[in-house]
């Protein structure tokens, strides 16, 4: 695997939003413990027989949302913010 230009520090994921993309692709919006938000592609299987058979051979880690992710904003020098303010801005629970 190639070395990334901005390998950010690994942060814990505190909240996950599941969204649908415009081009028939799902993605997760992950809010990290530092308050920054990143997105990751989500594995979506189509409801036909061939795709269902292929679905069995996809690793479980590719089907689930990550628990930790790299934060490129922290590496770029952005200050940390309260994660709940980011969650509220994205339409999460307000309690």
C-alpha atoms as a PDB file:
ATOM      1  CA  UNK A   1       0.000   0.000   0.000  1.00  0.00           C
ATOM      2  CA  UNK A   2       1.286   3.440  -0.924  1.00  0.00           C
ATOM      3  CA  UNK A   3       2.204   5.899   1.798  1.00  0.00           C
ATOM      4  CA  UNK A   4      -0.379   8.647   2.180  1.00  0.00           C
ATOM      5  CA  UNK A   5       0.541  12.306   2.001  1.00  0.00           C
ATOM      6  CA  UNK A   6      -1.312  13.161   5.218  1.00  0.00           C
ATOM      7  CA  UNK A   7      -1.347  10.109   7.506  1.00  0.00           C
ATOM      8  CA  UNK A   8      -3.428  11.534  10.327  1.00  0.00           C
ATOM      9  CA  UNK A   9      -3.647  10.272  13.881  1.00  0.00           C
ATOM     10  CA  UNK A  10      -6.090   7.438  14.555  1.00  0.00           C
ATOM     11  CA  UNK A  11      -9.140   8.594  16.465  1.00  0.00           C
ATOM     12  CA  UNK A  12     -12.061   6.726  17.986  1.00  0.00           C
ATOM     13  CA  UNK A  13     -15.415   6.956  16.160  1.00  0.00           C
ATOM     14  CA  UNK A  14     -18.096   8.309  18.507  1.00  0.00           C
ATOM     15  CA  UNK A  15     -21.109   8.542  16.145  1.00  0.00           C
ATOM     16  CA  UNK A  16     -22.043   7.064  12.766  1.00  0.00           C
ATOM     17  CA  UNK A  17     -24.486   8.449  10.205  1.00  0.00           C
ATOM     18  CA  UNK A  18     -25.548   6.111   7.395  1.00  0.00           C
ATOM     19  CA  UNK A  19     -26.318   7.978   4.167  1.00  0.00           C
ATOM     20  CA  UNK A  20     -27.144   7.187   0.550  1.00  0.00           C
ATOM     21  CA  UNK A  21     -25.150   8.775  -2.241  1.00  0.00           C
ATOM     22  CA  UNK A  22     -26.463  10.328  -5.438  1.00  0.00           C
ATOM     23  CA  UNK A  23     -24.952   7.605  -7.614  1.00  0.00           C
ATOM     24  CA  UNK A  24     -26.446   4.563  -5.889  1.00  0.00           C
ATOM     25  CA  UNK A  25     -23.722   4.189  -3.319  1.00  0.00           C
ATOM     26  CA  UNK A  26     -23.979   4.184   0.431  1.00  0.00           C
ATOM     27  CA  UNK A  27     -21.502   5.846   2.737  1.00  0.00           C
ATOM     28  CA  UNK A  28     -20.932   6.456   6.421  1.00  0.00           C
ATOM     29  CA  UNK A  29     -20.341   9.878   7.908  1.00  0.00           C
ATOM     30  CA  UNK A  30     -18.153   9.231  10.945  1.00  0.00           C
ATOM     31  CA  UNK A  31     -17.821  11.732  13.782  1.00  0.00           C
ATOM     32  CA  UNK A  32     -14.488  11.272  15.546  1.00  0.00           C
ATOM     33  CA  UNK A  33     -13.606  11.928  19.185  1.00  0.00           C
ATOM     34  CA  UNK A  34     -11.766  15.103  18.154  1.00  0.00           C
ATOM     35  CA  UNK A  35     -15.028  16.494  16.719  1.00  0.00           C
ATOM     36  CA  UNK A  36     -14.045  16.253  13.077  1.00  0.00           C
ATOM     37  CA  UNK A  37     -16.125  14.393  10.500  1.00  0.00           C
ATOM     38  CA  UNK A  38     -14.952  12.068   7.722  1.00  0.00           C
ATOM     39  CA  UNK A  39     -16.786   9.830   5.284  1.00  0.00           C
ATOM     40  CA  UNK A  40     -16.146   6.228   4.281  1.00  0.00           C
ATOM     41  CA  UNK A  41     -17.708   4.149   1.533  1.00  0.00           C
ATOM     42  CA  UNK A  42     -20.222   1.598   2.756  1.00  0.00           C
ATOM     43  CA  UNK A  43     -20.590  -1.880   1.297  1.00  0.00           C
ATOM     44  CA  UNK A  44     -24.059  -2.261  -0.210  1.00  0.00           C
ATOM     45  CA  UNK A  45     -25.238  -5.518  -1.766  1.00  0.00           C
ATOM     46  CA  UNK A  46     -27.799  -5.564  -4.549  1.00  0.00           C
ATOM     47  CA  UNK A  47     -30.801  -7.894  -4.243  1.00  0.00           C
ATOM     48  CA  UNK A  48     -29.998 -10.382  -7.006  1.00  0.00           C
ATOM     49  CA  UNK A  49     -28.697 -13.949  -6.802  1.00  0.00           C
ATOM     50  CA  UNK A  50     -25.205 -13.305  -8.177  1.00  0.00           C
ATOM     51  CA  UNK A  51     -24.545 -10.400  -5.822  1.00  0.00           C
ATOM     52  CA  UNK A  52     -25.891 -12.337  -2.845  1.00  0.00           C
ATOM     53  CA  UNK A  53     -23.462 -15.153  -3.576  1.00  0.00           C
ATOM     54  CA  UNK A  54     -20.567 -12.691  -3.817  1.00  0.00           C
ATOM     55  CA  UNK A  55     -21.728 -11.055  -0.590  1.00  0.00           C
ATOM     56  CA  UNK A  56     -20.818 -14.211   1.345  1.00  0.00           C
ATOM     57  CA  UNK A  57     -17.136 -13.852   0.369  1.00  0.00           C
ATOM     58  CA  UNK A  58     -16.738 -10.206   1.376  1.00  0.00           C
ATOM     59  CA  UNK A  59     -14.879  -9.906   4.702  1.00  0.00           C
ATOM     60  CA  UNK A  60     -17.005  -8.900   7.662  1.00  0.00           C
ATOM     61  CA  UNK A  61     -14.738  -5.916   8.361  1.00  0.00           C
ATOM     62  CA  UNK A  62     -15.714  -4.434   4.976  1.00  0.00           C
ATOM     63  CA  UNK A  63     -19.426  -4.661   5.839  1.00  0.00           C
ATOM     64  CA  UNK A  64     -19.234  -2.938   9.232  1.00  0.00           C
ATOM     65  CA  UNK A  65     -18.447   0.663  10.066  1.00  0.00           C
ATOM     66  CA  UNK A  66     -14.921   1.224  11.428  1.00  0.00           C
ATOM     67  CA  UNK A  67     -14.349   1.820  15.139  1.00  0.00           C
ATOM     68  CA  UNK A  68     -11.231   3.929  14.529  1.00  0.00           C
ATOM     69  CA  UNK A  69     -10.268   6.159  11.606  1.00  0.00           C
ATOM     70  CA  UNK A  70      -7.495   8.551  10.604  1.00  0.00           C
ATOM     71  CA  UNK A  71      -8.264  12.235  11.101  1.00  0.00           C
ATOM     72  CA  UNK A  72      -6.725  14.305   8.342  1.00  0.00           C
ATOM     73  CA  UNK A  73      -8.009  17.548   9.869  1.00  0.00           C
ATOM     74  CA  UNK A  74      -5.935  17.090  13.036  1.00  0.00           C
ATOM     75  CA  UNK A  75      -2.853  16.401  10.931  1.00  0.00           C
ATOM     76  CA  UNK A  76      -3.497  19.573   8.909  1.00  0.00           C
ATOM     77  CA  UNK A  77      -3.491  21.638  12.111  1.00  0.00           C
ATOM     78  CA  UNK A  78      -7.208  22.231  12.715  1.00  0.00           C
ATOM     79  CA  UNK A  79      -8.227  22.643  16.337  1.00  0.00           C
ATOM     80  CA  UNK A  80     -10.368  20.058  18.103  1.00  0.00           C
ATOM     81  CA  UNK A  81     -14.061  20.782  18.585  1.00  0.00           C
ATOM     82  CA  UNK A  82     -16.833  19.264  20.671  1.00  0.00           C
ATOM     83  CA  UNK A  83     -18.072  16.114  18.891  1.00  0.00           C
ATOM     84  CA  UNK A  84     -21.682  16.779  19.985  1.00  0.00           C
ATOM     85  CA  UNK A  85     -21.740  20.086  18.126  1.00  0.00           C
ATOM     86  CA  UNK A  86     -20.782  18.230  14.943  1.00  0.00           C
ATOM     87  CA  UNK A  87     -23.415  15.544  15.591  1.00  0.00           C
ATOM     88  CA  UNK A  88     -26.121  18.167  16.118  1.00  0.00           C
ATOM     89  CA  UNK A  89     -25.073  20.028  12.956  1.00  0.00           C
ATOM     90  CA  UNK A  90     -25.480  16.823  10.926  1.00  0.00           C
ATOM     91  CA  UNK A  91     -28.969  16.140  12.288  1.00  0.00           C
ATOM     92  CA  UNK A  92     -28.201  13.716  15.089  1.00  0.00           C
ATOM     93  CA  UNK A  93     -29.906  13.437  18.482  1.00  0.00           C
ATOM     94  CA  UNK A  94     -30.074  16.614  20.512  1.00  0.00           C
ATOM     95  CA  UNK A  95     -30.214  15.042  23.988  1.00  0.00           C
END
